[in-house]
Every structure is written in structure tokens, then in C-alpha cells.
């Protein structure tokens, strides 16, 4: 399938299943740390019982973010475990960032974040 087709499938899935999320980044040290927030659309999913292995525990979630949305928002890459995600008003810690699973060849289509909290 051509790359445009794969990207459009992801876009359609995010439009149907996604919701607004905020990626939050705090930089610096001290009392007046600069904070940046970017609103994105993310597909928030719980893990299935058979997925609960290794570092994944009940209550963790995975969130799919389109790479083109992250780039369009001018978020400095990489997204790290020092960043956090706000979902439905609740701040969640980013436990891992997968930028390998959702690729079309060498092109990154989507990030998959494991979030907890």
C-alpha cells in the first residue's frame, strides 16, 4: 500500500477513536521552570490482560500520536520519559516512547507511548 494510504488509515483511526490530549514539557530547574503544552489528538487505549507482562501493569495505557501532528506542532524531538501527557484532565507519566512499531519502511507514521498514573 502506498505511504499516503497508510497515513490516511492512521488519520482516519485517530479521527474516529482519538481524543484531545496535552503533551507537557517542563524545562530548567528551580521555582520558575518554563512549561510548554501542546494539544494533540491521541488514541488512548487500555492494555489487554494478555499484554500485562514485563513493565506493563493494570491501569497503564498506550497512546498513539501521529508523527505529522507532533512535527506540525513544532514539538522538539525526541519525546522523552521526562515529558508527561494530560488525558481527560489527569497528568500521566510517560513510561516509554516507541518510534519503531508504527513505521512505513523508514518513515515514522506514529509514536506509541506507554503512560501510567
N, C-alpha and C. Protein backbone atom coordinates (compact mmCIF):
# COMPACT_ATOMS: atom_id res chain seq x y z
N UNK A 1 0.84 -1.18 0.00
CA UNK A 1 0.00 0.00 0.00
C UNK A 1 0.89 1.24 0.00
N UNK A 2 0.57 2.24 -0.80
CA UNK A 2 1.37 3.47 -0.83
C UNK A 2 1.35 4.16 0.52
N UNK A 3 2.41 4.91 0.79
CA UNK A 3 2.54 5.60 2.08
C UNK A 3 1.36 6.50 2.39
N UNK A 4 0.86 7.21 1.41
CA UNK A 4 -0.29 8.09 1.65
C UNK A 4 -1.47 7.29 2.16
N UNK A 5 -1.63 6.06 1.67
CA UNK A 5 -2.72 5.21 2.11
C UNK A 5 -2.56 4.80 3.56
N UNK A 6 -1.37 4.46 3.97
CA UNK A 6 -1.12 4.07 5.36
C UNK A 6 -1.35 5.26 6.28
N UNK A 7 -0.83 6.40 5.92
CA UNK A 7 -1.03 7.60 6.75
C UNK A 7 -2.51 7.96 6.85
N UNK A 8 -3.24 7.82 5.76
CA UNK A 8 -4.66 8.17 5.80
C UNK A 8 -5.42 7.20 6.69
N UNK A 9 -5.02 5.93 6.73
CA UNK A 9 -5.66 4.97 7.64
C UNK A 9 -5.42 5.37 9.09
N UNK A 10 -4.21 5.78 9.42
CA UNK A 10 -3.91 6.23 10.77
C UNK A 10 -4.72 7.49 11.11
N UNK A 11 -4.76 8.45 10.18
CA UNK A 11 -5.52 9.68 10.40
C UNK A 11 -6.99 9.38 10.66
N UNK A 12 -7.54 8.49 9.85
CA UNK A 12 -8.95 8.11 9.99
C UNK A 12 -9.18 7.45 11.35
N UNK A 13 -8.29 6.58 11.77
CA UNK A 13 -8.42 5.91 13.07
C UNK A 13 -8.36 6.92 14.21
N UNK A 14 -7.46 7.90 14.09
CA UNK A 14 -7.35 8.93 15.14
C UNK A 14 -8.59 9.82 15.15
N UNK A 15 -9.13 10.11 13.98
CA UNK A 15 -10.35 10.92 13.91
C UNK A 15 -11.52 10.18 14.57
N UNK A 16 -11.61 8.89 14.34
CA UNK A 16 -12.72 8.09 14.88
C UNK A 16 -12.55 7.77 16.36
N UNK A 17 -11.35 7.43 16.78
CA UNK A 17 -11.13 6.91 18.12
C UNK A 17 -10.35 7.85 19.03
N UNK A 18 -9.79 8.90 18.45
CA UNK A 18 -8.92 9.78 19.22
C UNK A 18 -9.68 10.78 20.08
N UNK A 19 -8.92 11.44 20.93
CA UNK A 19 -9.45 12.49 21.80
C UNK A 19 -8.34 13.50 22.04
N UNK A 20 -8.69 14.71 22.49
CA UNK A 20 -7.65 15.71 22.75
C UNK A 20 -6.78 15.28 23.95
N UNK A 21 -5.48 15.39 23.78
CA UNK A 21 -4.53 15.16 24.85
C UNK A 21 -3.53 16.32 24.83
N UNK A 22 -2.88 16.55 25.95
CA UNK A 22 -1.85 17.58 26.02
C UNK A 22 -0.51 16.92 26.31
N UNK A 23 0.47 17.23 25.50
CA UNK A 23 1.84 16.83 25.79
C UNK A 23 2.45 17.97 26.58
N UNK A 24 2.99 17.66 27.75
CA UNK A 24 3.52 18.68 28.65
C UNK A 24 5.02 18.47 28.83
N UNK A 25 5.77 19.56 28.71
CA UNK A 25 7.22 19.52 28.89
C UNK A 25 7.64 20.64 29.82
N UNK A 26 8.37 20.27 30.86
CA UNK A 26 8.91 21.24 31.81
C UNK A 26 10.42 21.23 31.63
N UNK A 27 11.01 22.42 31.53
CA UNK A 27 12.45 22.51 31.35
C UNK A 27 13.06 23.35 32.46
N UNK A 28 14.36 23.25 32.61
CA UNK A 28 15.06 24.06 33.59
C UNK A 28 14.90 23.51 35.00
N UNK A 29 15.38 24.32 35.95
CA UNK A 29 15.31 23.94 37.36
C UNK A 29 14.83 25.12 38.17
N UNK A 30 14.49 24.87 39.40
CA UNK A 30 14.08 25.96 40.27
C UNK A 30 12.58 26.18 40.27
N UNK A 31 12.19 27.25 40.94
CA UNK A 31 10.77 27.53 41.16
C UNK A 31 10.03 27.96 39.88
N UNK A 32 10.71 28.63 38.99
CA UNK A 32 10.05 29.17 37.79
C UNK A 32 10.43 28.39 36.54
N UNK A 33 10.19 27.10 36.57
CA UNK A 33 10.53 26.27 35.41
C UNK A 33 9.59 26.57 34.25
N UNK A 34 10.14 26.84 33.07
CA UNK A 34 9.28 27.04 31.91
C UNK A 34 8.51 25.76 31.59
N UNK A 35 7.25 25.92 31.24
CA UNK A 35 6.39 24.80 30.92
C UNK A 35 5.76 25.03 29.56
N UNK A 36 5.81 24.00 28.74
CA UNK A 36 5.18 24.08 27.42
C UNK A 36 4.14 22.98 27.32
N UNK A 37 3.05 23.29 26.63
CA UNK A 37 1.98 22.31 26.39
C UNK A 37 1.55 22.40 24.94
N UNK A 38 1.33 21.24 24.39
CA UNK A 38 0.85 21.16 23.02
C UNK A 38 -0.38 20.28 22.98
N UNK A 39 -1.45 20.77 22.37
CA UNK A 39 -2.65 19.95 22.23
C UNK A 39 -2.53 19.11 20.97
N UNK A 40 -2.75 17.82 21.14
CA UNK A 40 -2.68 16.86 20.04
C UNK A 40 -3.92 15.98 20.12
N UNK A 41 -4.09 15.16 19.12
CA UNK A 41 -5.16 14.16 19.15
C UNK A 41 -4.47 12.81 19.37
N UNK A 42 -4.90 12.10 20.38
CA UNK A 42 -4.29 10.81 20.69
C UNK A 42 -5.34 9.73 20.82
N UNK A 43 -4.97 8.53 20.45
CA UNK A 43 -5.86 7.37 20.61
C UNK A 43 -5.40 6.67 21.88
N UNK A 44 -6.19 6.82 22.94
CA UNK A 44 -5.87 6.29 24.25
C UNK A 44 -6.52 4.91 24.37
N UNK A 45 -5.72 3.90 24.66
CA UNK A 45 -6.21 2.54 24.74
C UNK A 45 -5.66 1.87 26.00
N UNK A 46 -6.49 1.05 26.63
CA UNK A 46 -6.01 0.22 27.73
C UNK A 46 -5.31 -1.00 27.16
N UNK A 47 -4.48 -1.61 27.97
CA UNK A 47 -3.84 -2.85 27.55
C UNK A 47 -4.78 -4.02 27.84
N UNK A 48 -4.72 -5.04 27.03
CA UNK A 48 -5.49 -6.26 27.23
C UNK A 48 -4.80 -7.12 28.29
N UNK A 49 -5.55 -7.99 28.97
CA UNK A 49 -4.92 -8.81 30.02
C UNK A 49 -3.68 -9.57 29.55
N UNK A 50 -3.69 -10.08 28.31
CA UNK A 50 -2.52 -10.82 27.81
C UNK A 50 -1.31 -9.92 27.56
N UNK A 51 -1.52 -8.58 27.56
CA UNK A 51 -0.42 -7.63 27.37
C UNK A 51 0.30 -7.32 28.68
N UNK A 52 -0.28 -7.73 29.81
CA UNK A 52 0.25 -7.35 31.12
C UNK A 52 1.44 -8.23 31.49
N UNK A 53 2.56 -7.91 30.84
CA UNK A 53 3.81 -8.62 31.09
C UNK A 53 4.92 -7.60 31.21
N UNK A 54 6.03 -8.01 31.74
CA UNK A 54 7.17 -7.10 31.84
C UNK A 54 6.82 -5.88 32.65
N UNK A 55 7.05 -4.70 32.09
CA UNK A 55 6.82 -3.45 32.79
C UNK A 55 5.40 -2.91 32.64
N UNK A 56 4.51 -3.64 32.00
CA UNK A 56 3.14 -3.17 31.79
C UNK A 56 2.26 -3.73 32.90
N UNK A 57 1.56 -2.85 33.60
CA UNK A 57 0.68 -3.27 34.69
C UNK A 57 -0.73 -2.78 34.42
N UNK A 58 -1.68 -3.38 35.15
CA UNK A 58 -3.07 -2.98 35.00
C UNK A 58 -3.20 -1.49 35.30
N UNK A 59 -3.92 -0.77 34.47
CA UNK A 59 -4.08 0.67 34.62
C UNK A 59 -3.19 1.47 33.68
N UNK A 60 -2.11 0.86 33.17
CA UNK A 60 -1.29 1.53 32.16
C UNK A 60 -2.10 1.64 30.88
N UNK A 61 -1.73 2.61 30.05
CA UNK A 61 -2.41 2.80 28.78
C UNK A 61 -1.38 3.04 27.69
N UNK A 62 -1.79 2.78 26.47
CA UNK A 62 -0.95 3.18 25.34
C UNK A 62 -1.68 4.27 24.60
N UNK A 63 -0.90 5.21 24.09
CA UNK A 63 -1.46 6.36 23.37
C UNK A 63 -0.73 6.47 22.04
N UNK A 64 -1.49 6.51 20.97
CA UNK A 64 -0.94 6.67 19.63
C UNK A 64 -1.06 8.14 19.25
N UNK A 65 0.08 8.73 18.83
CA UNK A 65 0.12 10.11 18.34
C UNK A 65 0.68 10.09 16.92
N UNK A 66 0.03 10.77 16.00
CA UNK A 66 0.55 10.85 14.63
C UNK A 66 1.84 11.66 14.61
N UNK A 67 2.85 11.13 13.96
CA UNK A 67 4.13 11.83 13.86
C UNK A 67 3.95 13.18 13.16
N UNK A 68 3.11 13.24 12.12
CA UNK A 68 2.93 14.51 11.41
C UNK A 68 2.29 15.57 12.31
N UNK A 69 1.42 15.15 13.25
CA UNK A 69 0.84 16.11 14.19
C UNK A 69 1.89 16.64 15.15
N UNK A 70 2.77 15.76 15.62
CA UNK A 70 3.85 16.16 16.53
C UNK A 70 4.78 17.14 15.82
N UNK A 71 5.12 16.85 14.60
CA UNK A 71 6.01 17.72 13.82
C UNK A 71 5.32 19.05 13.52
N UNK A 72 4.04 19.01 13.13
CA UNK A 72 3.29 20.23 12.83
C UNK A 72 3.20 21.14 14.06
N UNK A 73 3.10 20.55 15.25
CA UNK A 73 3.01 21.33 16.49
C UNK A 73 4.37 21.90 16.89
N UNK A 74 5.41 21.54 16.16
CA UNK A 74 6.78 22.01 16.39
C UNK A 74 7.28 21.61 17.78
N UNK A 75 6.98 20.38 18.15
CA UNK A 75 7.47 19.83 19.41
C UNK A 75 8.90 19.35 19.17
N UNK A 76 9.81 19.81 20.00
CA UNK A 76 11.19 19.37 19.87
C UNK A 76 11.30 17.88 20.16
N UNK A 77 11.86 17.15 19.22
CA UNK A 77 12.03 15.71 19.40
C UNK A 77 13.38 15.44 20.05
N UNK A 78 13.51 14.39 20.78
CA UNK A 78 12.55 13.32 20.96
C UNK A 78 11.55 13.61 22.08
N UNK A 79 10.41 12.95 22.04
CA UNK A 79 9.52 12.90 23.19
C UNK A 79 10.20 11.95 24.17
N UNK A 80 10.28 12.32 25.44
CA UNK A 80 11.02 11.51 26.40
C UNK A 80 10.16 11.15 27.61
N UNK A 81 10.72 10.32 28.48
CA UNK A 81 10.05 9.96 29.71
C UNK A 81 10.03 11.13 30.69
N UNK A 82 10.75 12.19 30.40
CA UNK A 82 10.69 13.41 31.20
C UNK A 82 9.47 14.26 30.88
N UNK A 83 8.85 14.01 29.75
CA UNK A 83 7.62 14.69 29.36
C UNK A 83 6.45 13.97 30.04
N UNK A 84 5.28 14.56 29.98
CA UNK A 84 4.09 13.90 30.50
C UNK A 84 2.93 14.15 29.55
N UNK A 85 1.87 13.40 29.75
CA UNK A 85 0.69 13.52 28.91
C UNK A 85 -0.50 13.78 29.81
N UNK A 86 -1.32 14.74 29.44
CA UNK A 86 -2.52 15.03 30.21
C UNK A 86 -3.71 14.51 29.40
N UNK A 87 -4.41 13.55 30.01
CA UNK A 87 -5.55 12.90 29.36
C UNK A 87 -6.76 13.08 30.27
N UNK A 88 -7.81 13.70 29.73
CA UNK A 88 -9.04 13.93 30.49
C UNK A 88 -8.77 14.64 31.81
N UNK A 89 -7.83 15.60 31.77
CA UNK A 89 -7.52 16.39 32.95
C UNK A 89 -6.56 15.74 33.93
N UNK A 90 -6.11 14.55 33.63
CA UNK A 90 -5.23 13.82 34.54
C UNK A 90 -3.83 13.72 33.94
N UNK A 91 -2.83 14.10 34.73
CA UNK A 91 -1.46 14.04 34.25
C UNK A 91 -0.93 12.62 34.39
N UNK A 92 -0.39 12.09 33.29
CA UNK A 92 0.15 10.74 33.25
C UNK A 92 1.63 10.79 32.90
N UNK A 93 2.39 9.93 33.56
CA UNK A 93 3.83 9.84 33.27
C UNK A 93 4.04 9.00 32.02
N UNK A 94 4.98 9.42 31.20
CA UNK A 94 5.34 8.65 30.02
C UNK A 94 6.41 7.65 30.44
N UNK A 95 6.06 6.36 30.32
CA UNK A 95 6.99 5.31 30.72
C UNK A 95 7.93 4.89 29.61
N UNK A 96 7.45 4.99 28.36
CA UNK A 96 8.30 4.67 27.22
C UNK A 96 7.71 5.29 25.96
N UNK A 97 8.58 5.50 24.99
CA UNK A 97 8.19 6.06 23.70
C UNK A 97 8.70 5.12 22.62
N UNK A 98 7.78 4.58 21.84
CA UNK A 98 8.13 3.65 20.77
C UNK A 98 8.01 4.39 19.44
N UNK A 99 9.15 4.56 18.78
CA UNK A 99 9.12 5.19 17.46
C UNK A 99 9.54 4.20 16.38
N UNK A 100 9.34 2.91 16.66
CA UNK A 100 9.70 1.87 15.70
C UNK A 100 8.50 1.08 15.18
N UNK A 101 7.52 0.84 16.02
CA UNK A 101 6.40 -0.04 15.66
C UNK A 101 5.55 0.51 14.53
N UNK A 102 5.29 1.79 14.54
CA UNK A 102 4.36 2.39 13.56
C UNK A 102 5.15 3.14 12.48
N UNK A 103 5.83 2.37 11.67
CA UNK A 103 6.63 2.92 10.56
C UNK A 103 6.18 2.29 9.25
N UNK A 104 6.40 3.04 8.21
CA UNK A 104 6.24 2.52 6.85
C UNK A 104 7.63 2.58 6.23
N UNK A 105 8.31 1.46 6.26
CA UNK A 105 9.70 1.45 5.84
C UNK A 105 10.51 2.27 6.82
N UNK A 106 11.17 3.30 6.32
CA UNK A 106 11.97 4.15 7.20
C UNK A 106 11.19 5.36 7.71
N UNK A 107 9.98 5.56 7.22
CA UNK A 107 9.21 6.75 7.60
C UNK A 107 8.36 6.49 8.85
N UNK A 108 8.54 7.35 9.85
CA UNK A 108 7.75 7.26 11.07
C UNK A 108 6.34 7.78 10.80
N UNK A 109 5.34 6.96 11.10
CA UNK A 109 3.94 7.34 10.90
C UNK A 109 3.33 7.78 12.23
N UNK A 110 3.64 7.05 13.32
CA UNK A 110 3.03 7.37 14.61
C UNK A 110 3.96 6.94 15.75
N UNK A 111 3.83 7.66 16.85
CA UNK A 111 4.50 7.30 18.10
C UNK A 111 3.53 6.48 18.93
N UNK A 112 4.04 5.52 19.66
CA UNK A 112 3.23 4.80 20.64
C UNK A 112 3.85 5.05 22.01
N UNK A 113 3.07 5.68 22.90
CA UNK A 113 3.55 5.99 24.24
C UNK A 113 2.91 5.04 25.23
N UNK A 114 3.69 4.55 26.19
CA UNK A 114 3.13 3.82 27.33
C UNK A 114 3.05 4.83 28.46
N UNK A 115 1.84 5.04 28.98
CA UNK A 115 1.66 6.04 30.03
C UNK A 115 1.08 5.38 31.27
N UNK A 116 1.38 5.94 32.40
CA UNK A 116 0.92 5.41 33.67
C UNK A 116 0.53 6.55 34.60
N UNK A 117 -0.36 6.24 35.52
CA UNK A 117 -0.74 7.25 36.50
C UNK A 117 -2.17 7.33 36.73
